[in-house]
Structures are given as C-alpha cells and as structure tokens.
Amino acid sequence: MSGGRQWRRAGPLLGQRLELQIGAVANLGCCVARHEGRVVFVRHALPGERVVAMVTEDKGGSFCRADAVSILTPSPDRVAPPCPFAGPGRCGGCDWQHATPEAQRRLKADVVRELFARIGQLELGDMRVEEVPGGSFGWRTRAQFAVDDSGQPGLRRSREHSIQPIDDCLLTVPAIRAELAAGPRRPGTMLDVAASATGEVSVGERVGRQRPPGDLLHERAIGRDWEVHAGGFWQVHPEAAGTLVDCALDFLAPLPGERALDLYAGVGLFSGALAAAVGPDGLVTAVESDVTAAEDATRNLADLPQVRVRSGDVAALLDEVLPTDIAVLDPPRAGAGRAVIEALVHSGLRAIGYVSCDAATLAADVRVARDNGFELTALRVFDLFPNSHHVECVALLVPAV
C-alpha cells in the first residue's frame, strides 16, 4: 500500500480525535500530552499548544501516539511548513518544519538534557544546540527514497511502510532535487542519491536493504581530498566533517608522538586529522568493520605512514589495538556499548572523544564510563539535521580526578 494512513494496531483510542493540552517535548520528534491517565505522544505539535489530535497508534498500554490535525491555540514558535509534503499523515522525513529554527534548537536541547538526566543520570545544566552554517533547507547531500508501485519516488510516512510520493525535497541539495523531478523510476526499488562537494552525483537503484558500494565520489574536508563510495558513510551536511573534527581535536588536544585510536573509523576522516596532530613519531590506528569503508580509508590515508587501518569488529579487535593515549569514537546509532566503553576506560588512556548521532545511546555510554571512573568534562551539540529531531554530539571523557 503506497497511500493513505495504515491503521496497524488495534486499541481503544485508535482513530479517535482527542482535544489535548500539549506539554513538554519528547524524543523522536514528539511532544507529550495526557488523556484519561494515559500518555499521548503527539507529532506536529509544540509545547503549550491546545490541539485536536488523531490517534494513529494504540497498543492498549500506558501510551499511544497521535498526530495534531488541528491547532486550537498555536505556539508563538509555530510557522507554516514550507514543504507541501510536511504534516500529519504525509512524509515522515521532517519532524519540526512547523517550528522556527530557533525553537527547534531549544526543543532539541531540552531533549538532550532529558535523555542525559534519565538515562545517563547526569544533569547537563545550561547546554545549547549550536547552529551551523548553511541554513535550515538545502543541506542534505545524501538521501534514500522508496519508489512506489507507480514509479514515483517518495519517503516513508512516520512509523509506517507506506510511501508518501514526492517530486521535491527542500532539505536536499539542488542535484538531489533535480533527480526527484526527473520522472518515474523502477517500481518497488530504493533510490540512493548522493552529491559530493566536488559536484559529482551518484544515482543507484536497489532492491532490499543491502546497499551496494556504488560510485566512487570525491569529497574535500579538513584540508584533504577523500574518495568515498556512494553507498558508504559520509556526513550528509556539508559543514559536518569540519565541524565535528575541529571539535573532537579541540577537546582531545593530541600531542606529537602520541598513540591514537579512531574507532568506527569509516573512510578515515578523524584518522587524517589525528595523524597530522600526532605527527610522524605518533601512531594512529583506525578500526572499521565495513570492508568497503576500510578499503576507502586505506586508500585515503596511504600518504600517512603513521596510520594503520584494521578491518574488523571494534569490540573483537580492542585487545590488539590497546593500549593507547587517546581515542575517537564515532559509532553507529546503537552506540559503542558497555564492553567497548569498559575496555577503553580501563586501558589507561587519558581521554576519549565520543562523536554521536544519538543522544540516548551516548547518555547510556557516558553513564558506563562514569560508573567506571571517568567523567564527562565537555559536551557540544550541533544542529546538523535541521527540521528533523536529530542532532550530532561531541563529548569529552577523561579519568576522574
């Protein structure tokens, strides 16, 4: 089914319209309301609003989910979404187009603070989400679209398999928008589109979840040239690579001659910066489980003799690559996990720079580090995904005094 709302779960409130007073923001692009003792997670609403919400998911437990379909008392932070596909029952790609950019960053900061307090057992205090250059639209350089039965590319609706057909996406760079407007594609496929900083565009069609390596694209970041397969990992915001590397190295302050680990190294971005900092007498070990990404890293870092690239699972290789002086971690959304964090903090290193695209798993890993004698001494959060609920965090963990 490619159109319309799919009512997937039966429950007492499913399909009902509720008049709700919206409370605090929650994770994953929702706000919290209550109805007859139950929590309702409401999308397309803002704190302080009075709305009519349609219940879209109800398992019959302590909470249900809903979309705000009518705004009775709007927040002063509310704006009209510029995208015609944004809103209840439509594209699930954007969470906060109905809020000003300033309000979005405040909401995201509230979420990060709540996650660290609840999961990490740590009060962050006066933390803010930082704006990066580039604006709220036209920043996304890589995107995946599902193609419906008629051949029209689209994006999944929130928490659904059904597809919202689209012929434009305001978040993406012009090259991707042009591909969306180019006409029908092969029905039932996934469309992967990537645009590099050097002007190259890769368009791939696939069936299923497995993404092939795709074309080899050329990027420019931190004063170096990079070759990255389109199906591999590269930050989707043009400012992300430089912003995150600058922050992580500022936190870690690598010294000439030090040993450094780059875990979940991808194509070697942080390794390139670490190598320049530790110099020819230092050592940088990059560990990456994806074979194609590790091959990209080996090629990208071939001019740096102080770098070695290891292909394999991070947890399985830690015994071979420790001890070290400093480490950078940039794990997938699931986080590094207890085993990796405990191994690092008990290895005698002086500092960990943790780059995370998921504040919840970062908070969990920070708690493990704190329970094992480390402390969080710095945290910066960047709005690298405007109009979505996502943020990018960089944390500094050091041995507690």
Protein backbone atom coordinates (compact mmCIF):
# COMPACT_ATOMS: atom_id res chain seq x y z
CA MET A 1 0.00 0.00 0.00
CA SER A 2 1.56 3.31 -1.07
CA GLY A 3 -1.04 5.85 0.01
CA GLY A 4 -3.23 6.67 2.97
CA ARG A 5 -2.86 6.02 6.66
CA GLN A 6 -2.31 2.41 7.63
CA TRP A 7 -4.06 1.61 10.93
CA ARG A 8 -1.68 -1.11 12.03
CA ARG A 9 -2.57 -1.72 15.67
CA ALA A 10 -5.95 -2.07 17.30
CA GLY A 11 -6.53 -0.30 20.61
CA PRO A 12 -9.27 1.58 22.49
CA LEU A 13 -8.31 5.02 21.15
CA LEU A 14 -7.18 4.12 17.64
CA GLY A 15 -8.63 6.53 15.09
CA GLN A 16 -10.23 8.79 17.71
CA ARG A 17 -9.84 12.56 17.79
CA LEU A 18 -8.78 13.95 21.16
CA GLU A 19 -8.58 17.54 22.34
CA LEU A 20 -5.25 17.77 24.16
CA GLN A 21 -3.09 20.24 26.03
CA ILE A 22 0.48 19.75 24.83
CA GLY A 23 3.21 19.51 27.42
CA ALA A 24 6.97 19.04 27.17
CA VAL A 25 8.90 17.90 24.14
CA ALA A 26 9.86 14.23 23.94
CA ASN A 27 12.46 12.35 21.95
CA LEU A 28 11.92 11.36 18.29
CA GLY A 29 10.05 14.49 17.24
CA CYS A 30 7.03 14.27 19.56
CA CYS A 31 5.52 16.21 22.43
CA VAL A 32 3.81 14.75 25.48
CA ALA A 33 0.12 15.08 26.33
CA ARG A 34 -2.17 13.12 28.64
CA HIS A 35 -5.66 11.70 28.20
CA GLU A 36 -7.54 9.87 30.93
CA GLY A 37 -4.34 8.84 32.67
CA ARG A 38 -2.53 7.72 29.54
CA VAL A 39 0.43 9.39 27.86
CA VAL A 40 -0.09 10.51 24.27
CA PHE A 41 2.99 11.21 22.13
CA VAL A 42 1.87 13.83 19.64
CA ARG A 43 3.66 14.73 16.40
CA HIS A 44 3.20 18.08 14.60
CA ALA A 45 2.54 19.87 17.91
CA LEU A 46 4.57 22.27 20.07
CA PRO A 47 4.76 22.70 23.85
CA GLY A 48 1.98 24.87 25.26
CA GLU A 49 -0.43 24.37 22.37
CA ARG A 50 -4.02 23.20 22.53
CA VAL A 51 -4.70 20.79 19.66
CA VAL A 52 -7.06 18.23 18.24
CA ALA A 53 -5.04 15.07 17.66
CA MET A 54 -5.88 11.92 15.73
CA VAL A 55 -4.68 8.73 17.44
CA THR A 56 -2.59 6.82 14.90
CA GLU A 57 -1.20 4.01 17.06
CA ASP A 58 -2.59 2.38 20.19
CA LYS A 59 -1.46 -0.95 21.63
CA GLY A 60 -3.70 -0.58 24.65
CA GLY A 61 -0.84 0.00 27.09
CA SER A 62 0.20 3.07 29.05
CA PHE A 63 0.70 5.27 25.98
CA CYS A 64 -0.45 5.85 22.44
CA ARG A 65 0.65 8.00 19.50
CA ALA A 66 -1.18 10.73 17.65
CA ASP A 67 -0.87 13.47 15.03
CA ALA A 68 -2.03 17.02 15.71
CA VAL A 69 -4.57 17.63 12.93
CA SER A 70 -6.00 20.94 14.17
CA ILE A 71 -4.24 23.64 16.19
CA LEU A 72 -6.68 25.37 18.55
CA THR A 73 -4.15 27.53 20.41
CA PRO A 74 -0.90 27.90 18.45
CA SER A 75 2.50 28.43 19.97
CA PRO A 76 4.31 31.68 19.10
CA ASP A 77 7.08 29.41 17.78
CA ARG A 78 4.79 27.88 15.13
CA VAL A 79 5.33 28.60 11.44
CA ALA A 80 3.70 27.26 8.28
CA PRO A 81 5.80 24.38 6.91
CA PRO A 82 7.19 25.44 3.52
CA CYS A 83 7.11 21.87 2.19
CA PRO A 84 3.74 20.71 0.78
CA PHE A 85 4.51 17.14 1.88
CA ALA A 86 5.07 18.02 5.56
CA GLY A 87 2.28 17.45 8.04
CA PRO A 88 0.02 14.77 9.55
CA GLY A 89 -0.25 11.59 7.50
CA ARG A 90 2.28 12.75 4.94
CA CYS A 91 6.08 12.50 4.70
CA GLY A 92 7.83 11.21 7.83
CA GLY A 93 11.18 12.76 6.96
CA CYS A 94 10.79 16.04 8.86
CA ASP A 95 9.72 16.42 12.48
CA TRP A 96 9.90 20.15 13.15
CA GLN A 97 9.14 22.11 9.98
CA HIS A 98 6.26 23.70 11.88
CA ALA A 99 8.69 25.38 14.33
CA THR A 100 11.12 28.25 13.85
CA PRO A 101 14.80 27.24 13.59
CA GLU A 102 15.49 28.87 16.96
CA ALA A 103 12.64 26.94 18.58
CA GLN A 104 13.84 23.71 17.00
CA ARG A 105 17.25 24.10 18.63
CA ARG A 106 15.66 24.86 22.01
CA LEU A 107 13.47 21.77 21.73
CA LYS A 108 16.43 19.58 20.78
CA ALA A 109 18.43 20.93 23.72
CA ASP A 110 15.55 20.07 26.05
CA VAL A 111 15.52 16.52 24.68
CA VAL A 112 19.27 16.05 25.13
CA ARG A 113 19.09 17.32 28.72
CA GLU A 114 16.18 14.99 29.50
CA LEU A 115 17.93 11.97 27.98
CA PHE A 116 21.12 12.61 29.94
CA ALA A 117 19.15 13.10 33.16
CA ARG A 118 17.01 9.98 32.69
CA ILE A 119 19.43 7.57 31.01
CA GLY A 120 22.81 8.98 31.95
CA GLN A 121 21.86 10.07 35.49
CA LEU A 122 23.64 13.36 34.77
CA GLU A 123 22.36 16.94 34.83
CA LEU A 124 23.82 18.94 31.95
CA GLY A 125 22.77 22.40 33.07
CA ASP A 126 22.90 25.26 30.57
CA MET A 127 23.52 23.32 27.37
CA ARG A 128 22.50 24.57 23.93
CA VAL A 129 22.28 23.14 20.44
CA GLU A 130 24.57 25.10 18.15
CA GLU A 131 23.60 26.36 14.72
CA VAL A 132 25.94 25.56 11.83
CA PRO A 133 26.27 27.50 8.56
CA GLY A 134 24.02 26.55 5.67
CA GLY A 135 20.50 27.32 6.86
CA SER A 136 17.54 25.06 7.55
CA PHE A 137 16.99 23.82 3.99
CA GLY A 138 19.12 22.67 1.06
CA TRP A 139 21.80 21.00 3.18
CA ARG A 140 21.31 17.25 2.70
CA THR A 141 23.83 15.72 0.27
CA ARG A 142 22.78 12.06 0.54
CA ALA A 143 19.29 10.62 0.60
CA GLN A 144 17.37 7.40 0.05
CA PHE A 145 13.89 7.25 -1.46
CA ALA A 146 11.43 4.38 -1.78
CA VAL A 147 9.79 4.02 -5.20
CA ASP A 148 6.07 3.22 -5.12
CA ASP A 149 4.09 0.94 -7.45
CA SER A 150 3.59 3.75 -9.96
CA GLY A 151 7.30 4.50 -10.17
CA GLN A 152 7.18 7.69 -8.10
CA PRO A 153 9.98 8.19 -5.53
CA GLY A 154 8.91 9.06 -2.02
CA LEU A 155 9.61 8.84 1.69
CA ARG A 156 8.03 6.62 4.32
CA ARG A 157 5.30 8.07 6.47
CA SER A 158 6.09 8.23 10.17
CA ARG A 159 6.32 4.74 11.72
CA GLU A 160 4.85 3.19 8.56
CA HIS A 161 5.91 1.22 5.50
CA SER A 162 3.55 3.20 3.27
CA ILE A 163 5.13 5.73 0.92
CA GLN A 164 4.39 9.43 0.53
CA PRO A 165 5.19 10.16 -3.14
CA ILE A 166 7.20 13.35 -3.57
CA ASP A 167 8.68 15.20 -6.53
CA ASP A 168 10.81 17.54 -4.40
CA CYS A 169 12.56 17.60 -1.03
CA LEU A 170 13.51 21.00 0.35
CA LEU A 171 16.09 19.53 2.71
CA THR A 172 18.25 18.26 -0.13
CA VAL A 173 20.82 19.99 -2.30
CA PRO A 174 19.80 21.04 -5.86
CA ALA A 175 21.34 17.96 -7.50
CA ILE A 176 19.13 15.62 -5.47
CA ARG A 177 16.05 17.77 -6.04
CA ALA A 178 16.71 17.53 -9.78
CA GLU A 179 16.80 13.72 -9.60
CA LEU A 180 13.45 13.68 -7.78
CA ALA A 181 11.91 15.80 -10.53
CA ALA A 182 13.38 13.67 -13.32
CA GLY A 183 10.41 11.34 -13.69
CA PRO A 184 9.37 7.76 -12.88
CA ARG A 185 11.77 5.10 -11.60
CA ARG A 186 11.58 1.34 -11.49
CA PRO A 187 8.65 0.43 -9.17
CA GLY A 188 9.49 -1.34 -5.94
CA THR A 189 13.12 -0.22 -5.79
CA MET A 190 15.08 2.05 -3.47
CA LEU A 191 16.69 5.11 -4.99
CA ASP A 192 20.03 6.16 -3.47
CA VAL A 193 21.23 9.62 -4.47
CA ALA A 194 24.48 11.24 -3.35
CA ALA A 195 26.00 14.57 -4.34
CA SER A 196 29.63 15.27 -3.48
CA ALA A 197 31.23 18.56 -2.52
CA THR A 198 33.11 18.45 -5.84
CA GLY A 199 29.91 18.39 -7.91
CA GLU A 200 29.63 14.67 -8.66
CA VAL A 201 26.25 12.95 -8.46
CA SER A 202 25.62 9.23 -7.97
CA VAL A 203 22.20 7.65 -8.54
CA GLY A 204 21.69 4.00 -7.71
CA GLU A 205 18.67 1.72 -7.74
CA ARG A 206 18.48 -1.34 -5.50
CA VAL A 207 16.05 -3.91 -4.19
CA GLY A 208 16.13 -4.70 -0.48
CA ARG A 209 18.08 -3.27 2.43
CA GLN A 210 21.61 -4.13 1.31
CA ARG A 211 23.29 -1.08 -0.23
CA PRO A 212 25.98 -1.79 -2.84
CA PRO A 213 29.19 0.28 -2.71
CA GLY A 214 28.05 2.44 -5.63
CA ASP A 215 30.08 5.04 -7.47
CA LEU A 216 33.31 6.44 -6.09
CA LEU A 217 32.81 10.11 -5.18
CA HIS A 218 35.38 12.76 -4.33
CA GLU A 219 34.99 14.94 -1.24
CA ARG A 220 37.06 17.74 0.25
CA ALA A 221 37.30 18.18 4.02
CA ILE A 222 39.85 19.20 6.69
CA GLY A 223 42.31 20.22 4.01
CA ARG A 224 42.41 16.78 2.40
CA ASP A 225 40.84 15.06 -0.60
CA TRP A 226 38.75 11.97 0.06
CA GLU A 227 37.44 9.15 -2.10
CA VAL A 228 34.20 7.74 -0.73
CA HIS A 229 31.90 5.14 -2.23
CA ALA A 230 28.37 6.49 -2.61
CA GLY A 231 26.95 3.54 -0.67
CA GLY A 232 29.33 4.11 2.23
CA PHE A 233 29.25 6.58 5.08
CA TRP A 234 29.93 10.28 4.69
CA GLN A 235 28.32 13.05 6.71
CA VAL A 236 25.23 14.36 4.92
CA HIS A 237 25.65 18.01 5.95
CA PRO A 238 28.40 19.89 4.05
CA GLU A 239 29.66 21.50 7.28
CA ALA A 240 29.58 18.32 9.36
CA ALA A 241 33.01 16.86 8.64
CA GLY A 242 34.94 20.01 9.51
CA THR A 243 32.73 20.92 12.45
CA LEU A 244 32.99 17.52 14.15
CA VAL A 245 36.71 17.04 13.51
CA ASP A 246 37.55 20.52 14.79
CA CYS A 247 35.51 19.96 17.95
CA ALA A 248 36.87 16.48 18.68
CA LEU A 249 40.50 17.52 18.22
CA ASP A 250 39.97 20.67 20.26
CA PHE A 251 38.65 18.50 23.09
CA LEU A 252 41.40 15.88 22.86
CA ALA A 253 44.36 18.21 22.16
CA PRO A 254 46.53 15.43 20.66
CA LEU A 255 50.26 15.76 21.31
CA PRO A 256 53.12 14.98 18.93
CA GLY A 257 54.22 11.38 19.33
CA GLU A 258 51.01 10.14 20.98
CA ARG A 259 49.14 6.97 20.10
CA ALA A 260 45.55 7.49 18.94
CA LEU A 261 42.65 5.19 18.14
CA ASP A 262 39.95 6.02 15.60
CA LEU A 263 37.15 3.55 16.29
CA TYR A 264 34.27 3.10 13.83
CA ALA A 265 36.59 5.00 11.52
CA GLY A 266 34.55 4.93 8.33
CA VAL A 267 36.66 6.24 5.44
CA GLY A 268 39.28 7.66 7.81
CA LEU A 269 38.16 11.25 8.41
CA PHE A 270 39.24 11.51 12.05
CA SER A 271 42.36 9.44 11.40
CA GLY A 272 43.55 12.00 8.86
CA ALA A 273 43.21 14.80 11.38
CA LEU A 274 44.75 12.78 14.22
CA ALA A 275 47.73 11.84 12.05
CA ALA A 276 48.53 15.47 11.39
CA ALA A 277 48.30 16.22 15.12
CA VAL A 278 50.44 13.34 16.45
CA GLY A 279 52.96 13.75 13.64
CA PRO A 280 55.37 11.25 12.10
CA ASP A 281 56.51 9.98 15.50
CA GLY A 282 52.96 9.18 16.58
CA LEU A 283 50.65 6.30 15.71
CA VAL A 284 47.01 6.30 14.62
CA THR A 285 45.09 3.04 14.40
CA ALA A 286 41.77 3.14 12.54
CA VAL A 287 39.28 0.32 13.08
CA GLU A 288 36.30 -0.14 10.77
CA SER A 289 34.03 -3.17 10.34
CA ASP A 290 32.64 -2.33 6.90
CA VAL A 291 35.00 -3.80 4.31
CA THR A 292 34.35 -1.16 1.65
CA ALA A 293 34.78 1.70 4.10
CA ALA A 294 38.03 0.16 5.39
CA GLU A 295 39.29 -0.08 1.82
CA ASP A 296 38.37 3.57 1.29
CA ALA A 297 40.21 4.50 4.49
CA THR A 298 43.32 2.58 3.45
CA ARG A 299 43.37 4.40 0.13
CA ASN A 300 42.62 7.82 1.63
CA LEU A 301 45.34 7.55 4.27
CA ALA A 302 48.04 5.88 2.18
CA ASP A 303 50.23 9.01 2.29
CA LEU A 304 50.36 8.92 6.11
CA PRO A 305 52.85 6.27 7.30
CA GLN A 306 51.86 6.80 10.94
CA VAL A 307 48.35 5.46 10.20
CA ARG A 308 47.38 1.81 10.11
CA VAL A 309 43.88 0.62 9.16
CA ARG A 310 42.35 -2.51 10.68
CA SER A 311 39.23 -4.05 9.17
CA GLY A 312 37.04 -5.84 11.69
CA ASP A 313 34.65 -5.53 14.60
CA VAL A 314 35.72 -2.90 17.13
CA ALA A 315 34.96 -4.98 20.21
CA ALA A 316 36.79 -8.01 18.79
CA LEU A 317 39.93 -6.01 17.93
CA LEU A 318 40.29 -3.91 21.07
CA ASP A 319 42.75 -6.28 22.73
CA GLU A 320 45.00 -5.96 19.69
CA VAL A 321 44.90 -2.16 19.36
CA LEU A 322 45.14 -1.17 23.03
CA PRO A 323 46.80 0.44 24.94
CA THR A 324 46.62 3.94 23.53
CA ASP A 325 46.80 7.54 24.72
CA ILE A 326 43.61 8.94 23.22
CA ALA A 327 40.63 7.60 21.28
CA VAL A 328 37.95 8.96 19.00
CA LEU A 329 34.70 7.01 18.74
CA ASP A 330 32.07 7.66 16.06
CA PRO A 331 29.81 4.62 16.45
CA PRO A 332 26.54 3.92 14.65
CA ARG A 333 23.24 4.94 16.21
CA ALA A 334 23.27 1.91 18.54
CA GLY A 335 26.29 3.36 20.36
CA ALA A 336 29.56 1.76 21.39
CA GLY A 337 28.09 -0.35 24.18
CA ARG A 338 29.26 -1.45 27.62
CA ALA A 339 32.02 -3.84 26.54
CA VAL A 340 33.80 -1.26 24.35
CA ILE A 341 33.46 1.58 26.87
CA GLU A 342 34.68 -0.51 29.80
CA ALA A 343 37.66 -1.80 27.81
CA LEU A 344 38.67 1.74 26.88
CA VAL A 345 38.33 3.34 30.31
CA HIS A 346 40.32 0.55 31.96
CA SER A 347 43.12 0.69 29.36
CA GLY A 348 44.96 3.68 30.81
CA LEU A 349 44.19 6.22 28.09
CA ARG A 350 44.00 9.89 29.04
CA ALA A 351 40.94 10.98 27.03
CA ILE A 352 38.05 9.81 24.83
CA GLY A 353 36.38 11.97 22.21
CA TYR A 354 32.95 10.47 21.57
CA VAL A 355 31.05 11.61 18.45
CA SER A 356 27.41 10.53 18.46
CA CYS A 357 24.33 10.87 16.27
CA ASP A 358 22.07 9.55 19.05
CA ALA A 359 21.94 11.36 22.39
CA ALA A 360 20.15 8.45 24.09
CA THR A 361 22.87 5.87 23.40
CA LEU A 362 25.54 8.47 24.11
CA ALA A 363 23.97 9.11 27.51
CA ALA A 364 23.96 5.38 28.22
CA ASP A 365 27.62 5.01 27.26
CA VAL A 366 28.59 8.09 29.28
CA ARG A 367 26.92 6.52 32.31
CA VAL A 368 29.00 3.36 31.83
CA ALA A 369 32.16 5.46 31.63
CA ARG A 370 31.23 7.40 34.76
CA ASP A 371 30.46 4.19 36.64
CA ASN A 372 33.99 3.06 35.78
CA GLY A 373 35.96 6.08 36.91
CA PHE A 374 35.67 8.57 34.04
CA GLU A 375 33.83 11.89 33.91
CA LEU A 376 32.19 13.98 31.21
CA THR A 377 34.07 17.28 31.10
CA ALA A 378 32.79 18.79 27.85
CA LEU A 379 29.82 18.36 25.53
CA ARG A 380 28.84 20.24 22.39
CA VAL A 381 25.69 19.56 20.39
CA PHE A 382 25.28 20.65 16.76
CA ASP A 383 22.15 21.14 14.68
CA LEU A 384 23.44 19.25 11.66
CA PHE A 385 19.98 17.94 10.72
CA PRO A 386 17.64 20.96 10.70
CA ASN A 387 13.89 20.24 10.62
CA SER A 388 14.44 16.70 11.93
CA HIS A 389 14.72 15.60 15.56
CA HIS A 390 18.34 14.50 15.09
CA VAL A 391 21.45 16.19 16.46
CA GLU A 392 25.16 15.40 16.48
CA CYS A 393 27.03 15.40 19.81
CA VAL A 394 30.71 15.51 20.67
CA ALA A 395 31.64 14.54 24.24
CA LEU A 396 34.95 14.52 26.10
CA LEU A 397 35.51 11.81 28.70
CA VAL A 398 38.57 11.81 30.93
CA PRO A 399 39.65 9.95 34.11
CA ALA A 400 38.01 11.41 37.17
CA VAL A 401 40.41 13.23 39.48
